[in-house]
Amino acid sequence: MRQKREESGLSLRAVATILGRHHSVIGKLEQDRRKIEILEFVAYCQAIGADPHEGLDLIISCPNR
């Protein structure tokens, strides 16, 4: 998540502002220290201009999840 956000040129605080969340919440999501709900994930992807399908495909194909 962090890599995609950085590729989009957005700071952690900028994404937090877009989503109406505190930057620490977004940081925890990116560090896998907080579970993310599917609607939250889609909103995050939309905020950074990423395709949520790509992320879901990665999650589904990962054997450790």
C-alpha atoms as a PDB file:
ATOM      1  CA  MET A   1       0.000   0.000   0.000  1.00  0.00           C
ATOM      2  CA  ARG A   2       2.721   2.410   0.955  1.00  0.00           C
ATOM      3  CA  GLN A   3       4.615   1.821  -2.271  1.00  0.00           C
ATOM      4  CA  LYS A   4       1.519   2.573  -4.369  1.00  0.00           C
ATOM      5  CA  ARG A   5       0.805   5.710  -2.338  1.00  0.00           C
ATOM      6  CA  GLU A   6       4.356   6.938  -2.779  1.00  0.00           C
ATOM      7  CA  GLU A   7       4.208   6.180  -6.513  1.00  0.00           C
ATOM      8  CA  SER A   8       1.105   8.369  -6.695  1.00  0.00           C
ATOM      9  CA  GLY A   9       3.088  11.229  -5.129  1.00  0.00           C
ATOM     10  CA  LEU A  10       0.840  11.542  -2.094  1.00  0.00           C
ATOM     11  CA  SER A  11       2.019  11.883   1.486  1.00  0.00           C
ATOM     12  CA  LEU A  12       0.544   9.902   4.336  1.00  0.00           C
ATOM     13  CA  ARG A  13      -1.110  13.053   5.645  1.00  0.00           C
ATOM     14  CA  ALA A  14      -2.538  13.921   2.216  1.00  0.00           C
ATOM     15  CA  VAL A  15      -4.237  10.525   1.944  1.00  0.00           C
ATOM     16  CA  ALA A  16      -5.485  10.837   5.512  1.00  0.00           C
ATOM     17  CA  THR A  17      -7.031  14.211   4.653  1.00  0.00           C
ATOM     18  CA  ILE A  18      -8.683  12.812   1.516  1.00  0.00           C
ATOM     19  CA  LEU A  19     -10.159   9.933   3.512  1.00  0.00           C
ATOM     20  CA  GLY A  20     -11.085  12.032   6.530  1.00  0.00           C
ATOM     21  CA  ARG A  21      -8.984   9.891   8.861  1.00  0.00           C
ATOM     22  CA  HIS A  22      -6.078  10.607  11.179  1.00  0.00           C
ATOM     23  CA  HIS A  23      -2.683  10.000   9.573  1.00  0.00           C
ATOM     24  CA  SER A  24      -1.789   7.478  12.276  1.00  0.00           C
ATOM     25  CA  VAL A  25      -4.682   5.250  11.156  1.00  0.00           C
ATOM     26  CA  ILE A  26      -3.436   5.287   7.572  1.00  0.00           C
ATOM     27  CA  GLY A  27       0.098   4.575   8.780  1.00  0.00           C
ATOM     28  CA  LYS A  28      -1.091   1.557  10.760  1.00  0.00           C
ATOM     29  CA  LEU A  29      -2.967   0.251   7.719  1.00  0.00           C
ATOM     30  CA  GLU A  30       0.140   0.558   5.579  1.00  0.00           C
ATOM     31  CA  GLN A  31       2.297  -1.143   8.214  1.00  0.00           C
ATOM     32  CA  ASP A  32      -0.199  -4.019   8.576  1.00  0.00           C
ATOM     33  CA  ARG A  33      -0.688  -3.085  12.241  1.00  0.00           C
ATOM     34  CA  ARG A  34      -4.425  -2.604  11.758  1.00  0.00           C
ATOM     35  CA  LYS A  35      -6.868  -4.688   9.768  1.00  0.00           C
ATOM     36  CA  ILE A  36      -8.533  -2.939   6.884  1.00  0.00           C
ATOM     37  CA  GLU A  37     -12.175  -3.341   5.951  1.00  0.00           C
ATOM     38  CA  ILE A  38     -12.975  -3.892   2.295  1.00  0.00           C
ATOM     39  CA  LEU A  39     -14.767  -0.543   1.881  1.00  0.00           C
ATOM     40  CA  GLU A  40     -11.836   1.197   3.559  1.00  0.00           C
ATOM     41  CA  PHE A  41      -9.472  -0.549   1.159  1.00  0.00           C
ATOM     42  CA  VAL A  42     -11.477   0.535  -1.886  1.00  0.00           C
ATOM     43  CA  ALA A  43     -11.606   4.137  -0.626  1.00  0.00           C
ATOM     44  CA  TYR A  44      -7.835   4.084  -0.001  1.00  0.00           C
ATOM     45  CA  CYS A  45      -7.203   2.787  -3.522  1.00  0.00           C
ATOM     46  CA  GLN A  46      -9.450   5.446  -5.020  1.00  0.00           C
ATOM     47  CA  ALA A  47      -7.662   8.142  -3.015  1.00  0.00           C
ATOM     48  CA  ILE A  48      -4.255   7.153  -4.402  1.00  0.00           C
ATOM     49  CA  GLY A  49      -5.486   6.357  -7.904  1.00  0.00           C
ATOM     50  CA  ALA A  50      -4.829   2.628  -7.657  1.00  0.00           C
ATOM     51  CA  ASP A  51      -6.969  -0.216  -8.949  1.00  0.00           C
ATOM     52  CA  PRO A  52      -8.535  -2.068  -5.989  1.00  0.00           C
ATOM     53  CA  HIS A  53      -8.839  -5.199  -8.143  1.00  0.00           C
ATOM     54  CA  GLU A  54      -5.050  -5.382  -8.439  1.00  0.00           C
ATOM     55  CA  GLY A  55      -4.673  -5.303  -4.662  1.00  0.00           C
ATOM     56  CA  LEU A  56      -7.380  -7.895  -4.109  1.00  0.00           C
ATOM     57  CA  ASP A  57      -5.748 -10.185  -6.672  1.00  0.00           C
ATOM     58  CA  LEU A  58      -2.473  -9.915  -4.714  1.00  0.00           C
ATOM     59  CA  ILE A  59      -4.234 -10.708  -1.442  1.00  0.00           C
ATOM     60  CA  ILE A  60      -6.045 -13.690  -2.919  1.00  0.00           C
ATOM     61  CA  SER A  61      -2.897 -15.132  -4.500  1.00  0.00           C
ATOM     62  CA  CYS A  62      -0.820 -14.766  -1.320  1.00  0.00           C
ATOM     63  CA  PRO A  63      -0.639 -18.144   0.457  1.00  0.00           C
ATOM     64  CA  ASN A  64       0.147 -16.571   3.866  1.00  0.00           C
ATOM     65  CA  ARG A  65      -3.091 -14.573   4.158  1.00  0.00           C
END
